[in-house]
Amino acid sequence: MSKITRTVWGRQMAFCFRCGYSTFQWPTDRLETHEICGGVNRQKALKEPACWIRLCPDCHREVQGWSKEKQYALKMKFDEECANVDAFLAIWRPKATAQFRAEFAAVVGAIKEKI
């Protein structure tokens, strides 16, 4: 089974994961797809749905300064279908230990409960 494309996923996720702005409420699509793994990992992240969150421009600017854990908590809360910690960590931290993976998942889960 092939992975969903970034374009199709973006159309399905028609709301800002942070503030709730929705393209169903307004006539123009002002939403952006943010790759949680940017920088040197961006090219790989562009192809991995586990790395994407949808944001309006204002929230996009703010969220870029958040920790990876907090950004991934948004992913887990609003896109459970494509959220995959192992796939995300394979791009962001490919040499992560099992302990790091477990700690990351625990922190993300705790943050998810608060947002």
N, C-alpha and C. Protein backbone atom coordinates (compact mmCIF):
# COMPACT_ATOMS: atom_id res chain seq x y z
N MET A 1 0.84 -1.19 0.00
CA MET A 1 0.00 0.00 0.00
C MET A 1 0.89 1.25 0.00
N SER A 2 0.61 2.19 -0.88
CA SER A 2 1.43 3.39 -0.96
C SER A 2 0.99 4.41 0.09
N LYS A 3 1.94 5.26 0.44
CA LYS A 3 1.66 6.30 1.42
C LYS A 3 0.85 7.41 0.78
N ILE A 4 0.12 8.11 1.59
CA ILE A 4 -0.64 9.26 1.15
C ILE A 4 0.33 10.37 0.71
N THR A 5 -0.05 11.13 -0.30
CA THR A 5 0.81 12.23 -0.73
C THR A 5 0.57 13.44 0.17
N ARG A 6 1.53 14.32 0.17
CA ARG A 6 1.43 15.54 0.97
C ARG A 6 0.22 16.38 0.54
N THR A 7 -0.04 16.46 -0.75
CA THR A 7 -1.16 17.24 -1.26
C THR A 7 -2.49 16.66 -0.82
N VAL A 8 -2.67 15.37 -0.98
CA VAL A 8 -3.93 14.72 -0.58
C VAL A 8 -4.12 14.84 0.92
N TRP A 9 -3.07 14.59 1.68
CA TRP A 9 -3.15 14.71 3.14
C TRP A 9 -3.54 16.14 3.54
N GLY A 10 -2.94 17.14 2.90
CA GLY A 10 -3.26 18.53 3.20
C GLY A 10 -4.72 18.86 2.95
N ARG A 11 -5.28 18.30 1.91
CA ARG A 11 -6.71 18.53 1.63
C ARG A 11 -7.59 17.88 2.68
N GLN A 12 -7.18 16.73 3.18
CA GLN A 12 -7.95 16.04 4.21
C GLN A 12 -7.86 16.73 5.56
N MET A 13 -6.72 17.33 5.84
CA MET A 13 -6.50 18.03 7.11
C MET A 13 -6.79 19.52 6.90
N ALA A 14 -8.06 19.86 6.85
CA ALA A 14 -8.50 21.20 6.47
C ALA A 14 -8.66 22.13 7.68
N PHE A 15 -7.78 21.98 8.67
CA PHE A 15 -7.86 22.83 9.86
C PHE A 15 -6.48 22.97 10.48
N CYS A 16 -6.28 24.06 11.19
CA CYS A 16 -5.03 24.30 11.90
C CYS A 16 -5.01 23.44 13.16
N PHE A 17 -3.98 22.65 13.33
CA PHE A 17 -3.89 21.76 14.48
C PHE A 17 -3.76 22.54 15.79
N ARG A 18 -3.34 23.80 15.74
CA ARG A 18 -3.16 24.56 16.96
C ARG A 18 -4.38 25.40 17.33
N CYS A 19 -4.86 26.26 16.40
CA CYS A 19 -5.96 27.18 16.75
C CYS A 19 -7.32 26.74 16.24
N GLY A 20 -7.35 25.77 15.33
CA GLY A 20 -8.62 25.28 14.81
C GLY A 20 -9.14 26.00 13.59
N TYR A 21 -8.41 27.02 13.08
CA TYR A 21 -8.83 27.69 11.86
C TYR A 21 -9.14 26.63 10.81
N SER A 22 -10.25 26.80 10.11
CA SER A 22 -10.67 25.78 9.14
C SER A 22 -10.91 26.37 7.77
N THR A 23 -10.50 25.65 6.74
CA THR A 23 -10.78 26.08 5.38
C THR A 23 -12.26 25.94 5.07
N PHE A 24 -13.00 25.23 5.91
CA PHE A 24 -14.45 25.12 5.72
C PHE A 24 -15.14 26.41 6.16
N GLN A 25 -14.48 27.19 7.03
CA GLN A 25 -15.06 28.44 7.53
C GLN A 25 -14.78 29.62 6.61
N TRP A 26 -13.69 29.56 5.87
CA TRP A 26 -13.25 30.69 5.06
C TRP A 26 -13.02 30.23 3.62
N PRO A 27 -13.19 31.12 2.65
CA PRO A 27 -13.11 30.71 1.25
C PRO A 27 -11.70 30.42 0.73
N THR A 28 -10.66 30.90 1.38
CA THR A 28 -9.31 30.66 0.87
C THR A 28 -8.55 29.70 1.77
N ASP A 29 -7.70 28.90 1.15
CA ASP A 29 -6.89 27.95 1.90
C ASP A 29 -5.61 28.63 2.35
N ARG A 30 -5.59 29.04 3.60
CA ARG A 30 -4.40 29.69 4.15
C ARG A 30 -3.59 28.73 5.00
N LEU A 31 -3.88 27.47 4.92
CA LEU A 31 -3.17 26.51 5.75
C LEU A 31 -1.86 26.07 5.09
N GLU A 32 -0.90 25.74 5.92
CA GLU A 32 0.42 25.30 5.46
C GLU A 32 0.73 23.96 6.10
N THR A 33 1.47 23.14 5.38
CA THR A 33 1.94 21.88 5.95
C THR A 33 3.35 22.10 6.47
N HIS A 34 3.51 21.84 7.75
CA HIS A 34 4.80 22.01 8.43
C HIS A 34 5.44 20.64 8.62
N GLU A 35 6.72 20.54 8.29
CA GLU A 35 7.47 19.31 8.55
C GLU A 35 8.11 19.45 9.93
N ILE A 36 7.76 18.58 10.84
CA ILE A 36 8.32 18.64 12.18
C ILE A 36 9.82 18.42 12.13
N CYS A 37 10.27 17.60 11.21
CA CYS A 37 11.72 17.38 10.99
C CYS A 37 12.16 18.28 9.86
N GLY A 38 12.70 19.41 10.17
CA GLY A 38 13.15 20.32 9.13
C GLY A 38 14.65 20.21 8.93
N GLY A 39 15.22 21.29 8.43
CA GLY A 39 16.67 21.36 8.25
C GLY A 39 17.20 20.28 7.33
N VAL A 40 18.27 19.61 7.77
CA VAL A 40 18.91 18.59 6.94
C VAL A 40 18.00 17.38 6.70
N ASN A 41 16.97 17.23 7.52
CA ASN A 41 16.05 16.10 7.38
C ASN A 41 14.83 16.43 6.53
N ARG A 42 14.72 17.65 6.05
CA ARG A 42 13.51 18.10 5.38
C ARG A 42 13.16 17.26 4.15
N GLN A 43 14.12 16.91 3.33
CA GLN A 43 13.82 16.15 2.12
C GLN A 43 13.18 14.81 2.44
N LYS A 44 13.67 14.14 3.46
CA LYS A 44 13.04 12.87 3.87
C LYS A 44 11.67 13.13 4.49
N ALA A 45 11.56 14.21 5.28
CA ALA A 45 10.30 14.53 5.95
C ALA A 45 9.20 14.89 4.96
N LEU A 46 9.56 15.45 3.82
CA LEU A 46 8.57 15.80 2.80
C LEU A 46 7.80 14.58 2.30
N LYS A 47 8.40 13.41 2.44
CA LYS A 47 7.78 12.18 1.93
C LYS A 47 7.15 11.32 3.02
N GLU A 48 7.24 11.75 4.28
CA GLU A 48 6.77 10.92 5.39
C GLU A 48 5.60 11.58 6.12
N PRO A 49 4.39 11.03 5.98
CA PRO A 49 3.21 11.61 6.63
C PRO A 49 3.33 11.72 8.15
N ALA A 50 4.16 10.90 8.76
CA ALA A 50 4.33 10.97 10.21
C ALA A 50 5.01 12.26 10.65
N CYS A 51 5.55 13.00 9.70
CA CYS A 51 6.30 14.23 10.01
C CYS A 51 5.51 15.51 9.76
N TRP A 52 4.26 15.43 9.34
CA TRP A 52 3.52 16.62 8.92
C TRP A 52 2.46 17.04 9.92
N ILE A 53 2.32 18.37 10.08
CA ILE A 53 1.18 18.94 10.80
C ILE A 53 0.66 20.12 9.98
N ARG A 54 -0.63 20.42 10.10
CA ARG A 54 -1.25 21.53 9.36
C ARG A 54 -1.42 22.71 10.30
N LEU A 55 -1.05 23.88 9.79
CA LEU A 55 -1.08 25.10 10.60
C LEU A 55 -1.46 26.30 9.74
N CYS A 56 -2.13 27.28 10.36
CA CYS A 56 -2.33 28.56 9.70
C CYS A 56 -1.00 29.31 9.78
N PRO A 57 -0.80 30.35 8.98
CA PRO A 57 0.49 31.05 8.99
C PRO A 57 0.91 31.58 10.36
N ASP A 58 -0.02 32.13 11.12
CA ASP A 58 0.33 32.66 12.45
C ASP A 58 0.82 31.56 13.38
N CYS A 59 0.11 30.46 13.42
CA CYS A 59 0.51 29.34 14.28
C CYS A 59 1.79 28.69 13.76
N HIS A 60 1.97 28.66 12.45
CA HIS A 60 3.18 28.08 11.86
C HIS A 60 4.41 28.81 12.40
N ARG A 61 4.35 30.14 12.41
CA ARG A 61 5.48 30.92 12.92
C ARG A 61 5.75 30.59 14.39
N GLU A 62 4.70 30.45 15.18
CA GLU A 62 4.87 30.16 16.61
C GLU A 62 5.38 28.74 16.86
N VAL A 63 4.80 27.79 16.19
CA VAL A 63 5.10 26.38 16.44
C VAL A 63 6.54 26.03 16.05
N GLN A 64 7.11 26.75 15.11
CA GLN A 64 8.49 26.47 14.71
C GLN A 64 9.46 26.60 15.88
N GLY A 65 9.11 27.38 16.88
CA GLY A 65 9.96 27.54 18.05
C GLY A 65 9.70 26.53 19.15
N TRP A 66 8.73 25.65 18.95
CA TRP A 66 8.40 24.64 19.96
C TRP A 66 9.36 23.46 19.88
N SER A 67 9.41 22.71 20.96
CA SER A 67 10.20 21.47 20.97
C SER A 67 9.56 20.45 20.01
N LYS A 68 10.36 19.50 19.58
CA LYS A 68 9.84 18.43 18.72
C LYS A 68 8.74 17.65 19.45
N GLU A 69 8.91 17.47 20.76
CA GLU A 69 7.92 16.73 21.54
C GLU A 69 6.56 17.43 21.51
N LYS A 70 6.58 18.75 21.70
CA LYS A 70 5.32 19.50 21.70
C LYS A 70 4.69 19.50 20.31
N GLN A 71 5.51 19.65 19.26
CA GLN A 71 4.98 19.60 17.90
C GLN A 71 4.38 18.23 17.62
N TYR A 72 5.07 17.17 18.07
CA TYR A 72 4.56 15.83 17.79
C TYR A 72 3.30 15.52 18.59
N ALA A 73 3.15 16.18 19.73
CA ALA A 73 1.91 16.01 20.50
C ALA A 73 0.71 16.53 19.70
N LEU A 74 0.89 17.62 18.95
CA LEU A 74 -0.18 18.09 18.06
C LEU A 74 -0.49 17.04 17.01
N LYS A 75 0.55 16.45 16.45
CA LYS A 75 0.36 15.39 15.45
C LYS A 75 -0.44 14.24 16.04
N MET A 76 -0.06 13.79 17.20
CA MET A 76 -0.73 12.65 17.84
C MET A 76 -2.18 12.96 18.18
N LYS A 77 -2.44 14.20 18.58
CA LYS A 77 -3.80 14.56 18.98
C LYS A 77 -4.75 14.70 17.79
N PHE A 78 -4.26 15.26 16.69
CA PHE A 78 -5.15 15.59 15.59
C PHE A 78 -4.99 14.74 14.34
N ASP A 79 -4.00 13.87 14.30
CA ASP A 79 -3.81 13.00 13.13
C ASP A 79 -3.31 11.62 13.58
N GLU A 80 -4.12 10.95 14.35
CA GLU A 80 -3.73 9.63 14.86
C GLU A 80 -3.47 8.63 13.73
N GLU A 81 -4.19 8.78 12.62
CA GLU A 81 -4.05 7.82 11.52
C GLU A 81 -2.64 7.81 10.93
N CYS A 82 -2.04 8.97 10.79
CA CYS A 82 -0.70 9.05 10.18
C CYS A 82 0.41 9.21 11.21
N ALA A 83 0.06 9.42 12.46
CA ALA A 83 1.08 9.56 13.50
C ALA A 83 1.79 8.22 13.68
N ASN A 84 3.11 8.28 13.69
CA ASN A 84 3.90 7.07 13.84
C ASN A 84 5.25 7.49 14.42
N VAL A 85 5.40 7.35 15.73
CA VAL A 85 6.61 7.81 16.41
C VAL A 85 7.85 7.16 15.83
N ASP A 86 7.80 5.88 15.52
CA ASP A 86 8.98 5.19 14.98
C ASP A 86 9.39 5.77 13.63
N ALA A 87 8.41 6.03 12.76
CA ALA A 87 8.72 6.61 11.44
C ALA A 87 9.29 8.02 11.60
N PHE A 88 8.72 8.80 12.51
CA PHE A 88 9.21 10.15 12.77
C PHE A 88 10.65 10.11 13.30
N LEU A 89 10.88 9.28 14.30
CA LEU A 89 12.21 9.20 14.90
C LEU A 89 13.24 8.63 13.92
N ALA A 90 12.82 7.78 13.00
CA ALA A 90 13.75 7.24 12.00
C ALA A 90 14.34 8.35 11.14
N ILE A 91 13.59 9.44 11.00
CA ILE A 91 14.08 10.59 10.23
C ILE A 91 14.79 11.59 11.13
N TRP A 92 14.17 11.95 12.24
CA TRP A 92 14.73 12.97 13.12
C TRP A 92 15.97 12.48 13.87
N ARG A 93 15.88 11.29 14.45
CA ARG A 93 16.96 10.71 15.24
C ARG A 93 17.16 9.25 14.86
N PRO A 94 17.73 8.97 13.70
CA PRO A 94 17.82 7.59 13.22
C PRO A 94 18.62 6.66 14.13
N LYS A 95 19.50 7.20 14.96
CA LYS A 95 20.30 6.35 15.85
C LYS A 95 19.79 6.38 17.28
N ALA A 96 18.54 6.80 17.46
CA ALA A 96 17.97 6.89 18.80
C ALA A 96 17.91 5.52 19.47
N THR A 97 18.25 5.51 20.73
CA THR A 97 18.20 4.27 21.50
C THR A 97 16.75 3.94 21.85
N ALA A 98 16.53 2.73 22.27
CA ALA A 98 15.19 2.32 22.72
C ALA A 98 14.75 3.17 23.90
N GLN A 99 15.67 3.51 24.77
CA GLN A 99 15.35 4.35 25.92
C GLN A 99 14.90 5.74 25.47
N PHE A 100 15.63 6.33 24.52
CA PHE A 100 15.24 7.65 24.01
C PHE A 100 13.85 7.58 23.38
N ARG A 101 13.60 6.54 22.59
CA ARG A 101 12.30 6.38 21.95
C ARG A 101 11.18 6.29 22.98
N ALA A 102 11.40 5.53 24.02
CA ALA A 102 10.39 5.39 25.08
C ALA A 102 10.17 6.71 25.81
N GLU A 103 11.26 7.41 26.11
CA GLU A 103 11.14 8.70 26.80
C GLU A 103 10.44 9.74 25.92
N PHE A 104 10.77 9.75 24.64
CA PHE A 104 10.13 10.68 23.71
C PHE A 104 8.63 10.41 23.68
N ALA A 105 8.24 9.16 23.53
CA ALA A 105 6.82 8.79 23.48
C ALA A 105 6.11 9.18 24.78
N ALA A 106 6.76 9.00 25.91
CA ALA A 106 6.15 9.35 27.20
C ALA A 106 5.94 10.86 27.31
N VAL A 107 6.92 11.63 26.91
CA VAL A 107 6.81 13.09 26.98
C VAL A 107 5.71 13.58 26.02
N VAL A 108 5.69 13.04 24.82
CA VAL A 108 4.67 13.41 23.85
C VAL A 108 3.28 13.09 24.40
N GLY A 109 3.13 11.92 24.99
CA GLY A 109 1.84 11.54 25.57
C GLY A 109 1.39 12.48 26.68
N ALA A 110 2.31 12.89 27.52
CA ALA A 110 1.99 13.81 28.62
C ALA A 110 1.57 15.18 28.07
N ILE A 111 2.28 15.66 27.07
CA ILE A 111 1.96 16.96 26.48
C ILE A 111 0.61 16.88 25.76
N LYS A 112 0.36 15.78 25.06
CA LYS A 112 -0.89 15.60 24.33
C LYS A 112 -2.09 15.72 25.25
N GLU A 113 -1.97 15.22 26.45
CA GLU A 113 -3.08 15.29 27.42
C GLU A 113 -3.38 16.71 27.85
N LYS A 114 -2.40 17.60 27.72
CA LYS A 114 -2.56 18.99 28.18
C LYS A 114 -3.03 19.94 27.10
N ILE A 115 -2.93 19.52 25.83
CA ILE A 115 -3.33 20.45 24.75
C ILE A 115 -4.71 20.13 24.22
